[in-house]
């Protein structure tokens, strides 16, 4: 069981550092001249939506 938990944590960390998850937000933020706070807010909303949709799909 511990190996599944550790594997899941490592996979989720690797998943989070993939640039296609955060690079679009940074690119749009720079293009639209957003403040750092605006970029953080959009990133948080996107991350929550991504996590919830993943959980929902997994539950189905």
PDB file of N, CA and C in Angstrom:
ATOM      1  N   UNK A   1       0.822  -1.198   0.000  1.00  0.00           N
ATOM      2  CA  UNK A   1       0.000   0.000   0.000  1.00  0.00           C
ATOM      3  C   UNK A   1       0.861   1.255   0.000  1.00  0.00           C
ATOM      4  N   UNK A   2       1.957   1.228   0.775  1.00  0.00           N
ATOM      5  CA  UNK A   2       2.819   2.404   0.848  1.00  0.00           C
ATOM      6  C   UNK A   2       3.457   2.709  -0.504  1.00  0.00           C
ATOM      7  N   UNK A   3       3.748   1.669  -1.289  1.00  0.00           N
ATOM      8  CA  UNK A   3       4.350   1.899  -2.609  1.00  0.00           C
ATOM      9  C   UNK A   3       3.359   2.570  -3.558  1.00  0.00           C
ATOM     10  N   UNK A   4       2.087   2.261  -3.429  1.00  0.00           N
ATOM     11  CA  UNK A   4       1.069   2.920  -4.252  1.00  0.00           C
ATOM     12  C   UNK A   4       0.962   4.391  -3.877  1.00  0.00           C
ATOM     13  N   UNK A   5       0.983   4.692  -2.593  1.00  0.00           N
ATOM     14  CA  UNK A   5       0.896   6.079  -2.131  1.00  0.00           C
ATOM     15  C   UNK A   5       2.115   6.873  -2.589  1.00  0.00           C
ATOM     16  N   UNK A   6       3.301   6.314  -2.405  1.00  0.00           N
ATOM     17  CA  UNK A   6       4.525   7.005  -2.817  1.00  0.00           C
ATOM     18  C   UNK A   6       4.547   7.197  -4.335  1.00  0.00           C
ATOM     19  N   UNK A   7       4.165   6.176  -5.063  1.00  0.00           N
ATOM     20  CA  UNK A   7       4.101   6.283  -6.519  1.00  0.00           C
ATOM     21  C   UNK A   7       3.117   7.346  -6.974  1.00  0.00           C
ATOM     22  N   UNK A   8       1.976   7.416  -6.318  1.00  0.00           N
ATOM     23  CA  UNK A   8       0.969   8.424  -6.652  1.00  0.00           C
ATOM     24  C   UNK A   8       1.477   9.828  -6.374  1.00  0.00           C
ATOM     25  N   UNK A   9       2.152   9.998  -5.250  1.00  0.00           N
ATOM     26  CA  UNK A   9       2.713  11.311  -4.917  1.00  0.00           C
ATOM     27  C   UNK A   9       3.788  11.731  -5.915  1.00  0.00           C
ATOM     28  N   UNK A  10       4.665  10.813  -6.265  1.00  0.00           N
ATOM     29  CA  UNK A  10       5.711  11.130  -7.237  1.00  0.00           C
ATOM     30  C   UNK A  10       5.118  11.456  -8.608  1.00  0.00           C
ATOM     31  N   UNK A  11       4.130  10.693  -9.021  1.00  0.00           N
ATOM     32  CA  UNK A  11       3.486  10.947 -10.299  1.00  0.00           C
ATOM     33  C   UNK A  11       2.769  12.294 -10.301  1.00  0.00           C
ATOM     34  N   UNK A  12       2.116  12.637  -9.206  1.00  0.00           N
ATOM     35  CA  UNK A  12       1.420  13.924  -9.146  1.00  0.00           C
ATOM     36  C   UNK A  12       2.397  15.092  -9.163  1.00  0.00           C
ATOM     37  N   UNK A  13       3.555  14.940  -8.517  1.00  0.00           N
ATOM     38  CA  UNK A  13       4.571  15.996  -8.564  1.00  0.00           C
ATOM     39  C   UNK A  13       5.129  16.159  -9.973  1.00  0.00           C
ATOM     40  N   UNK A  14       5.413  15.058 -10.629  1.00  0.00           N
ATOM     41  CA  UNK A  14       5.889  15.115 -12.009  1.00  0.00           C
ATOM     42  C   UNK A  14       4.834  15.749 -12.911  1.00  0.00           C
ATOM     43  N   UNK A  15       3.598  15.382 -12.705  1.00  0.00           N
ATOM     44  CA  UNK A  15       2.477  15.917 -13.473  1.00  0.00           C
ATOM     45  C   UNK A  15       2.378  17.435 -13.311  1.00  0.00           C
ATOM     46  N   UNK A  16       2.641  17.941 -12.115  1.00  0.00           N
ATOM     47  CA  UNK A  16       2.521  19.374 -11.836  1.00  0.00           C
ATOM     48  C   UNK A  16       3.631  20.199 -12.477  1.00  0.00           C
ATOM     49  N   UNK A  17       4.797  19.622 -12.686  1.00  0.00           N
ATOM     50  CA  UNK A  17       5.900  20.396 -13.252  1.00  0.00           C
ATOM     51  C   UNK A  17       5.929  20.379 -14.779  1.00  0.00           C
ATOM     52  N   UNK A  18       5.048  19.637 -15.405  1.00  0.00           N
ATOM     53  CA  UNK A  18       4.981  19.626 -16.864  1.00  0.00           C
ATOM     54  C   UNK A  18       4.525  21.013 -17.328  1.00  0.00           C
ATOM     55  N   UNK A  19       5.294  21.643 -18.230  1.00  0.00           N
ATOM     56  CA  UNK A  19       5.001  23.032 -18.618  1.00  0.00           C
ATOM     57  C   UNK A  19       3.629  23.270 -19.235  1.00  0.00           C
ATOM     58  N   UNK A  20       3.015  22.271 -19.832  1.00  0.00           N
ATOM     59  CA  UNK A  20       1.714  22.523 -20.452  1.00  0.00           C
ATOM     60  C   UNK A  20       0.617  22.784 -19.424  1.00  0.00           C
ATOM     61  N   UNK A  21       0.934  22.641 -18.143  1.00  0.00           N
ATOM     62  CA  UNK A  21      -0.047  22.951 -17.111  1.00  0.00           C
ATOM     63  C   UNK A  21       0.040  24.398 -16.645  1.00  0.00           C
ATOM     64  N   UNK A  22       1.224  24.968 -16.612  1.00  0.00           N
ATOM     65  CA  UNK A  22       1.374  26.317 -16.075  1.00  0.00           C
ATOM     66  C   UNK A  22       1.871  27.330 -17.096  1.00  0.00           C
ATOM     67  N   UNK A  23       2.506  26.896 -18.165  1.00  0.00           N
ATOM     68  CA  UNK A  23       3.040  27.818 -19.160  1.00  0.00           C
ATOM     69  C   UNK A  23       1.959  28.633 -19.872  1.00  0.00           C
ATOM     70  N   UNK A  24       0.817  28.052 -20.245  1.00  0.00           N
ATOM     71  CA  UNK A  24      -0.221  28.865 -20.890  1.00  0.00           C
ATOM     72  C   UNK A  24      -0.720  30.012 -20.009  1.00  0.00           C
ATOM     73  N   UNK A  25      -0.840  29.775 -18.715  1.00  0.00           N
ATOM     74  CA  UNK A  25      -1.303  30.834 -17.809  1.00  0.00           C
ATOM     75  C   UNK A  25      -0.279  31.964 -17.767  1.00  0.00           C
ATOM     76  N   UNK A  26       0.992  31.623 -17.695  1.00  0.00           N
ATOM     77  CA  UNK A  26       2.039  32.642 -17.677  1.00  0.00           C
ATOM     78  C   UNK A  26       2.062  33.408 -18.997  1.00  0.00           C
ATOM     79  N   UNK A  27       1.943  32.701 -20.115  1.00  0.00           N
ATOM     80  CA  UNK A  27       1.962  33.354 -21.424  1.00  0.00           C
ATOM     81  C   UNK A  27       0.787  34.314 -21.582  1.00  0.00           C
ATOM     82  N   UNK A  28      -0.400  33.879 -21.193  1.00  0.00           N
ATOM     83  CA  UNK A  28      -1.576  34.753 -21.278  1.00  0.00           C
ATOM     84  C   UNK A  28      -1.422  35.936 -20.337  1.00  0.00           C
ATOM     85  N   UNK A  29      -0.920  35.677 -19.134  1.00  0.00           N
ATOM     86  CA  UNK A  29      -0.714  36.756 -18.172  1.00  0.00           C
ATOM     87  C   UNK A  29       0.240  37.815 -18.680  1.00  0.00           C
ATOM     88  N   UNK A  30       1.308  37.399 -19.321  1.00  0.00           N
ATOM     89  CA  UNK A  30       2.258  38.367 -19.888  1.00  0.00           C
ATOM     90  C   UNK A  30       1.636  39.130 -21.046  1.00  0.00           C
ATOM     91  N   UNK A  31       0.918  38.420 -21.903  1.00  0.00           N
ATOM     92  CA  UNK A  31       0.280  39.056 -23.059  1.00  0.00           C
ATOM     93  C   UNK A  31      -0.759  40.082 -22.617  1.00  0.00           C
ATOM     94  N   UNK A  32      -1.499  39.772 -21.564  1.00  0.00           N
ATOM     95  CA  UNK A  32      -2.567  40.644 -21.076  1.00  0.00           C
ATOM     96  C   UNK A  32      -2.102  41.615 -19.990  1.00  0.00           C
ATOM     97  N   UNK A  33      -0.796  41.588 -19.682  1.00  0.00           N
ATOM     98  CA  UNK A  33      -0.223  42.470 -18.652  1.00  0.00           C
ATOM     99  C   UNK A  33      -0.896  42.298 -17.289  1.00  0.00           C
ATOM    100  N   UNK A  34      -1.128  41.050 -16.900  1.00  0.00           N
ATOM    101  CA  UNK A  34      -1.703  40.767 -15.590  1.00  0.00           C
ATOM    102  C   UNK A  34      -0.659  40.980 -14.511  1.00  0.00           C
ATOM    103  N   UNK A  35      -1.122  41.300 -13.324  1.00  0.00           N
ATOM    104  CA  UNK A  35      -0.232  41.358 -12.173  1.00  0.00           C
ATOM    105  C   UNK A  35       0.047  39.926 -11.704  1.00  0.00           C
ATOM    106  N   UNK A  36       1.033  39.794 -10.847  1.00  0.00           N
ATOM    107  CA  UNK A  36       1.352  38.473 -10.284  1.00  0.00           C
ATOM    108  C   UNK A  36       0.143  37.918  -9.533  1.00  0.00           C
ATOM    109  N   UNK A  37      -0.571  38.783  -8.826  1.00  0.00           N
ATOM    110  CA  UNK A  37      -1.755  38.338  -8.079  1.00  0.00           C
ATOM    111  C   UNK A  37      -2.834  37.804  -9.013  1.00  0.00           C
ATOM    112  N   UNK A  38      -3.020  38.444 -10.156  1.00  0.00           N
ATOM    113  CA  UNK A  38      -4.009  37.955 -11.120  1.00  0.00           C
ATOM    114  C   UNK A  38      -3.595  36.592 -11.681  1.00  0.00           C
ATOM    115  N   UNK A  39      -2.307  36.442 -11.973  1.00  0.00           N
ATOM    116  CA  UNK A  39      -1.808  35.154 -12.471  1.00  0.00           C
ATOM    117  C   UNK A  39      -2.008  34.069 -11.418  1.00  0.00           C
ATOM    118  N   UNK A  40      -1.726  34.392 -10.160  1.00  0.00           N
ATOM    119  CA  UNK A  40      -1.924  33.421  -9.074  1.00  0.00           C
ATOM    120  C   UNK A  40      -3.391  33.026  -8.954  1.00  0.00           C
ATOM    121  N   UNK A  41      -4.277  34.001  -9.069  1.00  0.00           N
ATOM    122  CA  UNK A  41      -5.713  33.734  -8.940  1.00  0.00           C
ATOM    123  C   UNK A  41      -6.198  32.810 -10.065  1.00  0.00           C
ATOM    124  N   UNK A  42      -5.807  33.119 -11.292  1.00  0.00           N
ATOM    125  CA  UNK A  42      -6.212  32.292 -12.429  1.00  0.00           C
ATOM    126  C   UNK A  42      -5.610  30.892 -12.317  1.00  0.00           C
ATOM    127  N   UNK A  43      -4.356  30.818 -11.872  1.00  0.00           N
ATOM    128  CA  UNK A  43      -3.703  29.523 -11.691  1.00  0.00           C
ATOM    129  C   UNK A  43      -4.429  28.693 -10.642  1.00  0.00           C
ATOM    130  N   UNK A  44      -4.814  29.310  -9.538  1.00  0.00           N
ATOM    131  CA  UNK A  44      -5.538  28.598  -8.486  1.00  0.00           C
ATOM    132  C   UNK A  44      -6.881  28.083  -8.994  1.00  0.00           C
ATOM    133  N   UNK A  45      -7.614  28.926  -9.688  1.00  0.00           N
ATOM    134  CA  UNK A  45      -8.917  28.517 -10.222  1.00  0.00           C
ATOM    135  C   UNK A  45      -8.747  27.364 -11.215  1.00  0.00           C
ATOM    136  N   UNK A  46      -7.750  27.480 -12.077  1.00  0.00           N
ATOM    137  CA  UNK A  46      -7.485  26.419 -13.056  1.00  0.00           C
ATOM    138  C   UNK A  46      -7.078  25.117 -12.379  1.00  0.00           C
ATOM    139  N   UNK A  47      -6.250  25.211 -11.358  1.00  0.00           N
ATOM    140  CA  UNK A  47      -5.795  24.012 -10.643  1.00  0.00           C
ATOM    141  C   UNK A  47      -6.956  23.317  -9.943  1.00  0.00           C
ATOM    142  N   UNK A  48      -7.823  24.094  -9.330  1.00  0.00           N
ATOM    143  CA  UNK A  48      -8.986  23.514  -8.649  1.00  0.00           C
ATOM    144  C   UNK A  48      -9.904  22.832  -9.664  1.00  0.00           C
ATOM    145  N   UNK A  49     -10.158  23.513 -10.786  1.00  0.00           N
ATOM    146  CA  UNK A  49     -11.014  22.925 -11.818  1.00  0.00           C
ATOM    147  C   UNK A  49     -10.393  21.644 -12.378  1.00  0.00           C
ATOM    148  N   UNK A  50      -9.090  21.661 -12.580  1.00  0.00           N
ATOM    149  CA  UNK A  50      -8.381  20.483 -13.101  1.00  0.00           C
ATOM    150  C   UNK A  50      -8.476  19.318 -12.113  1.00  0.00           C
ATOM    151  N   UNK A  51      -8.238  19.588 -10.852  1.00  0.00           N
ATOM    152  CA  UNK A  51      -8.284  18.530  -9.835  1.00  0.00           C
ATOM    153  C   UNK A  51      -9.694  17.969  -9.685  1.00  0.00           C
ATOM    154  N   UNK A  52     -10.686  18.848  -9.617  1.00  0.00           N
ATOM    155  CA  UNK A  52     -12.067  18.384  -9.456  1.00  0.00           C
ATOM    156  C   UNK A  52     -12.545  17.583 -10.664  1.00  0.00           C
ATOM    157  N   UNK A  53     -12.176  18.026 -11.870  1.00  0.00           N
ATOM    158  CA  UNK A  53     -12.595  17.274 -13.055  1.00  0.00           C
ATOM    159  C   UNK A  53     -11.910  15.910 -13.110  1.00  0.00           C
ATOM    160  N   UNK A  54     -10.663  15.845 -12.665  1.00  0.00           N
ATOM    161  CA  UNK A  54      -9.954  14.566 -12.620  1.00  0.00           C
ATOM    162  C   UNK A  54     -10.605  13.619 -11.616  1.00  0.00           C
ATOM    163  N   UNK A  55     -10.976  14.144 -10.464  1.00  0.00           N
ATOM    164  CA  UNK A  55     -11.660  13.334  -9.446  1.00  0.00           C
ATOM    165  C   UNK A  55     -13.007  12.850  -9.968  1.00  0.00           C
ATOM    166  N   UNK A  56     -13.739  13.731 -10.631  1.00  0.00           N
ATOM    167  CA  UNK A  56     -15.044  13.365 -11.176  1.00  0.00           C
ATOM    168  C   UNK A  56     -14.916  12.260 -12.224  1.00  0.00           C
ATOM    169  N   UNK A  57     -13.960  12.410 -13.120  1.00  0.00           N
ATOM    170  CA  UNK A  57     -13.754  11.381 -14.143  1.00  0.00           C
ATOM    171  C   UNK A  57     -13.335  10.061 -13.497  1.00  0.00           C
ATOM    172  N   UNK A  58     -12.488  10.137 -12.479  1.00  0.00           N
ATOM    173  CA  UNK A  58     -12.057   8.930 -11.777  1.00  0.00           C
ATOM    174  C   UNK A  58     -13.196   8.239 -11.043  1.00  0.00           C
ATOM    175  N   UNK A  59     -14.162   9.020 -10.575  1.00  0.00           N
ATOM    176  CA  UNK A  59     -15.292   8.452  -9.844  1.00  0.00           C
ATOM    177  C   UNK A  59     -16.280   7.748 -10.775  1.00  0.00           C
ATOM    178  N   UNK A  60     -16.288   8.149 -12.009  1.00  0.00           N
ATOM    179  CA  UNK A  60     -17.202   7.547 -12.993  1.00  0.00           C
ATOM    180  C   UNK A  60     -16.635   6.247 -13.411  1.00  0.00           C
TER     181      UNK A  60
END
